[in-house]
Amino acid sequence: MVRTDLKSVILNFNPIGQGWMGVELFLVISGFLIHFIFLQNQNNFSWPEFFSKRFWRIYPPYLLVLISFFILGIAITFYGFKNLLSHILLTHNFFDSTFFTINPSFWSIALEAQLYLIYPFFLFLVRYHGIKKTLAIIFLFNIVLTIIGLLLQIKSFSYGTFVLKFWIVWCVGAYLADSFYNRRKIFQKPLFWFIGLYVLCFLFKLYYLTNYFILLPITFSCVALIETFLYNEFLEKYLLWKSLNNSLSFIGLISYSIYLIHQPLLNNLFCIYTLKTHHSYFNFLISILFVYLNIFLVSYSLYVLVESKSILYGKNLRKKKRYFL
């Protein structure tokens, strides 16, 4: 069975409908940025400073949004303080019973925090084996976990998204950072590779193919997309690069706040903005416009009032040689 109706095509193929590849893109970007910053500052690298930056960048906005959604109960069923505690401790992605509660997208925040915790082990492997062999080791480990899941017919969300299974995605981002730092391209024509891999991923989605098959194509399509912007000769020649770059920079600035609040609000906002007329597809597009406008406004407010202030507070603490309190 193939999803070929117009609404499914619009949702899956338009640039703002890529939630199905958002986690991989997020992890590749995270691995790239974290490791690239490390490479630039490896002679003065400090683990307390690293974890302090990550904490004040991520946790206070997350905690505020978490408690807000828990109290308001938007698009959730009340399961009690067990769910809240598991989210506060960032362990809710270990259990199916807490995986999608409060805010379904929060599982990837826990995943990201767990990837930070095993980053020292990644650097240990790189130090003794080099980044290419390290990537190969982690890839083989991912295959072993996948085979175990298939043989034992494990279908739980918590196993399918276990931190060591998604580690390969994050490490590919780190490998991209290493390549860019040493001025080596992974793809010689990244834009064409992105288009080809993106179409392949889209076809996989249409045919309902499992994530076992789609994880690496999505990951490397994200790498090709990022390389397209890193080596932007094509974009500078054929696109209004400056305007596009400014727009993407603004979206990137508030992207974490967008991610924190978007999922519980989407269905509610679509219900509010859905118009009942004969022009269903036109109304559908108008609804998308108003829904995303609202989400951008709320996200920008969250960034200005909470996220940016948390980052600044952490920065001021580190100047005093304090890291968390």
Protein backbone atom coordinates (compact mmCIF):
# COMPACT_ATOMS: atom_id res chain seq x y z
CA MET A 1 0.00 0.00 0.00
CA VAL A 2 1.33 3.45 -0.94
CA ARG A 3 0.26 6.81 0.47
CA THR A 4 -0.31 8.78 -2.72
CA ASP A 5 -3.14 11.15 -1.72
CA LEU A 6 -2.29 14.83 -2.14
CA LYS A 7 -2.40 15.67 1.57
CA SER A 8 0.13 12.92 2.42
CA VAL A 9 2.45 14.09 -0.34
CA ILE A 10 2.25 17.71 0.88
CA LEU A 11 2.89 16.72 4.49
CA ASN A 12 5.82 14.42 3.71
CA PHE A 13 7.53 16.29 0.87
CA ASN A 14 7.25 19.99 1.74
CA PRO A 15 10.21 21.57 3.60
CA ILE A 16 8.27 22.16 6.84
CA GLY A 17 6.83 18.65 6.94
CA GLN A 18 10.04 16.75 7.60
CA GLY A 19 9.35 15.63 11.15
CA TRP A 20 10.09 12.07 10.08
CA MET A 21 13.73 13.00 9.45
CA GLY A 22 14.00 15.73 12.09
CA VAL A 23 15.60 13.60 14.82
CA GLU A 24 18.38 12.39 12.53
CA LEU A 25 19.04 15.94 11.29
CA PHE A 26 19.07 17.19 14.89
CA LEU A 27 21.54 14.48 15.96
CA VAL A 28 23.84 14.98 12.97
CA ILE A 29 23.94 18.74 13.61
CA SER A 30 24.53 18.10 17.32
CA GLY A 31 27.40 15.68 16.66
CA PHE A 32 28.89 18.11 14.14
CA LEU A 33 28.72 21.17 16.41
CA ILE A 34 29.88 19.45 19.61
CA HIS A 35 32.85 17.76 17.96
CA PHE A 36 33.79 20.76 15.81
CA ILE A 37 33.90 22.99 18.90
CA PHE A 38 36.04 20.35 20.62
CA LEU A 39 38.47 20.27 17.67
CA GLN A 40 38.77 24.05 17.73
CA ASN A 41 39.41 24.14 21.49
CA GLN A 42 40.96 20.75 22.23
CA ASN A 43 44.06 22.27 23.85
CA ASN A 44 41.90 24.15 26.37
CA PHE A 45 39.03 21.69 26.66
CA SER A 46 37.36 21.32 30.07
CA TRP A 47 34.76 18.67 30.88
CA PRO A 48 33.10 20.69 33.69
CA GLU A 49 32.77 23.63 31.29
CA PHE A 50 31.44 21.36 28.53
CA PHE A 51 28.70 19.86 30.71
CA SER A 52 27.88 23.28 32.20
CA LYS A 53 27.31 24.72 28.72
CA ARG A 54 25.11 21.80 27.75
CA PHE A 55 23.11 21.99 31.00
CA TRP A 56 22.31 25.72 30.86
CA ARG A 57 21.65 25.57 27.12
CA ILE A 58 19.16 22.71 27.32
CA TYR A 59 17.81 21.89 30.76
CA PRO A 60 16.14 25.06 32.19
CA PRO A 61 13.93 25.71 29.09
CA TYR A 62 13.17 21.98 28.94
CA LEU A 63 12.20 21.86 32.62
CA LEU A 64 9.92 24.92 32.31
CA VAL A 65 8.12 23.55 29.25
CA LEU A 66 7.93 20.08 30.82
CA ILE A 67 6.23 21.34 33.99
CA SER A 68 3.93 23.64 31.96
CA PHE A 69 2.68 20.80 29.75
CA PHE A 70 2.35 18.51 32.74
CA ILE A 71 0.15 21.02 34.60
CA LEU A 72 -1.89 22.06 31.57
CA GLY A 73 -2.30 18.50 30.33
CA ILE A 74 -2.23 19.51 26.64
CA ALA A 75 -2.80 16.47 24.41
CA ILE A 76 -1.83 14.01 27.17
CA THR A 77 -3.42 11.62 29.63
CA PHE A 78 -2.53 12.16 33.27
CA TYR A 79 -0.35 9.25 34.43
CA GLY A 80 0.97 10.76 37.65
CA PHE A 81 4.24 11.94 39.06
CA LYS A 82 6.11 8.82 37.92
CA ASN A 83 6.09 10.21 34.38
CA LEU A 84 7.12 13.64 35.58
CA LEU A 85 10.03 12.24 37.62
CA SER A 86 11.30 10.11 34.73
CA HIS A 87 11.23 13.21 32.49
CA ILE A 88 13.02 15.34 35.08
CA LEU A 89 15.74 12.67 35.29
CA LEU A 90 15.79 12.32 31.48
CA THR A 91 15.23 8.57 31.66
CA HIS A 92 11.71 8.43 30.22
CA ASN A 93 12.99 7.10 26.86
CA PHE A 94 14.14 3.87 28.59
CA PHE A 95 10.58 2.63 29.12
CA ASP A 96 7.62 2.34 26.75
CA SER A 97 5.26 3.27 29.59
CA THR A 98 6.80 6.76 29.89
CA PHE A 99 8.17 7.19 26.37
CA PHE A 100 5.42 9.33 24.78
CA THR A 101 3.85 10.86 27.88
CA ILE A 102 3.61 14.60 28.65
CA ASN A 103 5.23 15.66 25.35
CA PRO A 104 5.91 12.93 22.74
CA SER A 105 8.95 14.71 21.31
CA PHE A 106 10.78 14.89 24.64
CA TRP A 107 12.25 11.40 24.18
CA SER A 108 14.90 12.86 21.87
CA ILE A 109 15.92 15.44 24.49
CA ALA A 110 16.72 12.57 26.86
CA LEU A 111 18.54 10.82 24.02
CA GLU A 112 20.63 13.92 23.37
CA ALA A 113 21.61 14.22 27.04
CA GLN A 114 22.65 10.56 27.09
CA LEU A 115 24.79 11.09 23.98
CA TYR A 116 26.61 13.91 25.79
CA LEU A 117 27.37 11.52 28.66
CA ILE A 118 29.03 8.97 26.34
CA TYR A 119 30.91 11.60 24.32
CA PRO A 120 34.07 11.02 26.46
CA PHE A 121 34.01 7.35 25.40
CA PHE A 122 33.76 8.40 21.74
CA LEU A 123 36.85 10.60 22.17
CA PHE A 124 38.63 7.71 23.89
CA LEU A 125 37.97 5.47 20.87
CA VAL A 126 39.03 8.19 18.44
CA ARG A 127 42.27 8.74 20.35
CA TYR A 128 43.32 5.09 20.06
CA HIS A 129 41.70 4.01 16.78
CA GLY A 130 41.18 7.17 14.72
CA ILE A 131 37.80 8.51 13.70
CA LYS A 132 37.26 6.25 10.66
CA LYS A 133 37.85 3.02 12.61
CA THR A 134 35.78 4.38 15.49
CA LEU A 135 32.90 5.05 13.11
CA ALA A 136 33.25 1.51 11.71
CA ILE A 137 33.22 0.01 15.24
CA ILE A 138 30.09 1.94 16.20
CA PHE A 139 28.41 1.02 12.90
CA LEU A 140 29.11 -2.69 13.48
CA PHE A 141 27.77 -2.36 17.02
CA ASN A 142 24.60 -0.78 15.58
CA ILE A 143 24.22 -3.74 13.20
CA VAL A 144 24.56 -6.18 16.12
CA LEU A 145 21.86 -4.37 18.09
CA THR A 146 19.62 -4.31 15.02
CA ILE A 147 20.08 -8.06 14.40
CA ILE A 148 19.33 -8.79 18.06
CA GLY A 149 16.14 -6.73 17.79
CA LEU A 150 15.08 -8.58 14.63
CA LEU A 151 15.88 -12.06 15.97
CA LEU A 152 14.12 -11.46 19.29
CA GLN A 153 11.31 -9.54 17.53
CA ILE A 154 11.70 -6.62 19.91
CA LYS A 155 9.19 -3.96 18.87
CA SER A 156 9.38 -1.56 21.79
CA PHE A 157 10.00 2.13 21.14
CA SER A 158 12.56 2.22 23.93
CA TYR A 159 14.72 -0.43 22.26
CA GLY A 160 14.31 0.96 18.75
CA THR A 161 15.51 4.38 19.90
CA PHE A 162 18.03 3.21 22.48
CA VAL A 163 20.94 5.63 22.82
CA LEU A 164 23.52 3.12 21.54
CA LYS A 165 21.41 2.49 18.43
CA PHE A 166 21.22 6.19 17.57
CA TRP A 167 24.87 6.71 18.52
CA ILE A 168 25.90 6.04 14.93
CA VAL A 169 23.85 9.03 13.72
CA TRP A 170 25.50 11.39 16.21
CA CYS A 171 28.95 10.00 15.38
CA VAL A 172 28.40 10.54 11.65
CA GLY A 173 27.84 14.21 12.56
CA ALA A 174 31.14 14.14 14.49
CA TYR A 175 32.84 12.59 11.45
CA LEU A 176 31.45 15.42 9.31
CA ALA A 177 32.98 17.88 11.81
CA ASP A 178 36.35 16.15 11.54
CA SER A 179 36.16 16.22 7.74
CA PHE A 180 35.19 19.88 7.64
CA TYR A 181 37.87 20.81 10.19
CA ASN A 182 40.48 19.14 7.96
CA ARG A 183 38.85 20.55 4.78
CA ARG A 184 37.83 17.17 3.38
CA LYS A 185 34.49 16.72 1.67
CA ILE A 186 32.44 13.59 2.30
CA PHE A 187 30.37 14.23 -0.86
CA GLN A 188 31.98 15.95 -3.85
CA LYS A 189 28.57 17.16 -5.06
CA PRO A 190 26.57 17.31 -1.81
CA LEU A 191 23.46 19.00 -3.22
CA PHE A 192 22.92 16.25 -5.79
CA TRP A 193 23.56 13.57 -3.17
CA PHE A 194 21.03 15.24 -0.87
CA ILE A 195 18.36 15.32 -3.58
CA GLY A 196 18.93 11.66 -4.44
CA LEU A 197 18.97 10.46 -0.84
CA TYR A 198 15.99 12.65 0.08
CA VAL A 199 13.89 11.16 -2.72
CA LEU A 200 14.99 7.67 -1.63
CA CYS A 201 13.92 8.39 1.97
CA PHE A 202 10.61 9.79 0.75
CA LEU A 203 9.94 6.62 -1.26
CA PHE A 204 10.81 4.54 1.81
CA LYS A 205 8.19 6.49 3.77
CA LEU A 206 5.57 5.98 1.07
CA TYR A 207 6.14 2.25 1.17
CA TYR A 208 6.10 2.12 4.98
CA LEU A 209 9.61 0.65 5.10
CA THR A 210 10.93 0.14 8.60
CA ASN A 211 13.47 2.39 10.30
CA TYR A 212 16.00 -0.44 10.05
CA PHE A 213 16.29 0.43 6.35
CA ILE A 214 15.81 4.18 6.48
CA LEU A 215 18.11 5.27 9.33
CA LEU A 216 21.39 5.50 7.39
CA PRO A 217 19.90 6.99 4.17
CA ILE A 218 18.26 9.72 6.29
CA THR A 219 21.51 10.27 8.18
CA PHE A 220 23.63 10.69 5.07
CA SER A 221 20.99 12.84 3.37
CA CYS A 222 21.34 15.15 6.39
CA VAL A 223 25.13 15.10 5.96
CA ALA A 224 24.78 16.01 2.28
CA LEU A 225 22.36 18.82 3.15
CA ILE A 226 24.72 20.25 5.77
CA GLU A 227 27.69 20.01 3.40
CA THR A 228 25.64 21.90 0.80
CA PHE A 229 25.55 24.84 3.20
CA LEU A 230 29.09 24.40 4.52
CA TYR A 231 30.53 24.50 1.00
CA ASN A 232 28.01 26.98 -0.42
CA GLU A 233 29.59 27.82 -3.77
CA PHE A 234 26.53 26.51 -5.61
CA LEU A 235 24.15 28.43 -3.37
CA GLU A 236 26.07 31.68 -3.69
CA LYS A 237 25.96 31.37 -7.47
CA TYR A 238 22.35 30.39 -8.01
CA LEU A 239 20.36 31.51 -4.97
CA LEU A 240 19.74 34.64 -2.96
CA TRP A 241 22.17 33.22 -0.43
CA LYS A 242 22.35 36.16 1.96
CA SER A 243 18.58 36.33 2.49
CA LEU A 244 18.31 32.55 2.76
CA ASN A 245 21.23 32.41 5.19
CA ASN A 246 19.69 35.11 7.41
CA SER A 247 16.35 33.29 7.48
CA LEU A 248 17.95 29.95 8.31
CA SER A 249 20.11 31.56 10.99
CA PHE A 250 17.00 32.98 12.68
CA ILE A 251 15.22 29.62 12.53
CA GLY A 252 18.34 27.93 13.90
CA LEU A 253 18.45 30.42 16.75
CA ILE A 254 14.99 29.49 17.99
CA SER A 255 14.99 25.88 16.74
CA TYR A 256 15.37 24.34 20.21
CA SER A 257 12.42 26.35 21.54
CA ILE A 258 10.41 25.30 18.47
CA TYR A 259 11.21 21.66 19.16
CA LEU A 260 10.24 21.93 22.82
CA ILE A 261 6.72 23.22 22.22
CA HIS A 262 5.68 22.20 18.71
CA GLN A 263 4.23 18.70 19.04
CA PRO A 264 1.61 19.14 21.79
CA LEU A 265 0.39 22.34 20.11
CA LEU A 266 0.13 21.16 16.50
CA ASN A 267 -3.13 19.21 16.70
CA ASN A 268 -4.78 21.83 18.91
CA LEU A 269 -3.80 24.66 16.59
CA PHE A 270 -4.90 22.74 13.50
CA CYS A 271 -8.31 22.26 15.13
CA ILE A 272 -8.53 26.01 15.79
CA TYR A 273 -7.47 27.10 12.30
CA THR A 274 -9.23 24.47 10.18
CA LEU A 275 -11.81 26.17 7.96
CA LYS A 276 -14.93 24.35 6.79
CA THR A 277 -15.37 25.25 3.13
CA HIS A 278 -15.39 23.47 -0.22
CA HIS A 279 -11.79 24.44 -0.99
CA SER A 280 -10.26 21.80 1.28
CA TYR A 281 -6.67 21.76 0.01
CA PHE A 282 -6.43 25.56 -0.08
CA ASN A 283 -7.76 25.71 3.48
CA PHE A 284 -5.30 23.03 4.49
CA LEU A 285 -2.39 25.17 3.26
CA ILE A 286 -3.78 28.27 4.98
CA SER A 287 -4.11 26.28 8.22
CA ILE A 288 -0.45 25.23 7.96
CA LEU A 289 0.55 28.87 7.52
CA PHE A 290 -1.32 30.09 10.62
CA VAL A 291 -0.29 27.10 12.75
CA TYR A 292 3.42 27.56 12.04
CA LEU A 293 3.16 31.32 12.49
CA ASN A 294 1.77 30.75 15.99
CA ILE A 295 4.44 28.21 16.82
CA PHE A 296 7.19 30.57 15.64
CA LEU A 297 5.81 33.40 17.79
CA VAL A 298 5.58 31.23 20.92
CA SER A 299 9.04 29.76 20.25
CA TYR A 300 10.62 33.18 19.79
CA SER A 301 9.08 34.36 23.07
CA LEU A 302 10.41 31.26 24.83
CA TYR A 303 13.87 31.88 23.38
CA VAL A 304 13.97 35.55 24.43
CA LEU A 305 12.45 35.14 27.89
CA VAL A 306 13.94 31.80 28.99
CA GLU A 307 16.48 30.13 26.71
CA SER A 308 18.76 33.12 26.04
CA LYS A 309 18.68 34.15 29.72
CA SER A 310 19.57 30.63 30.83
CA ILE A 311 22.55 30.58 28.47
CA LEU A 312 23.70 33.97 29.75
CA TYR A 313 23.29 32.88 33.39
CA GLY A 314 25.45 29.81 32.77
CA LYS A 315 28.07 31.93 31.02
CA ASN A 316 28.25 34.31 33.99
CA LEU A 317 28.61 31.36 36.38
CA ARG A 318 31.55 29.98 34.39
CA LYS A 319 33.29 33.35 34.53
CA LYS A 320 33.24 32.93 38.32
CA LYS A 321 34.63 29.38 37.92
CA ARG A 322 31.27 27.94 38.94
CA TYR A 323 29.46 25.54 36.63
CA PHE A 324 25.97 24.62 37.82
CA LEU A 325 24.94 26.67 40.87
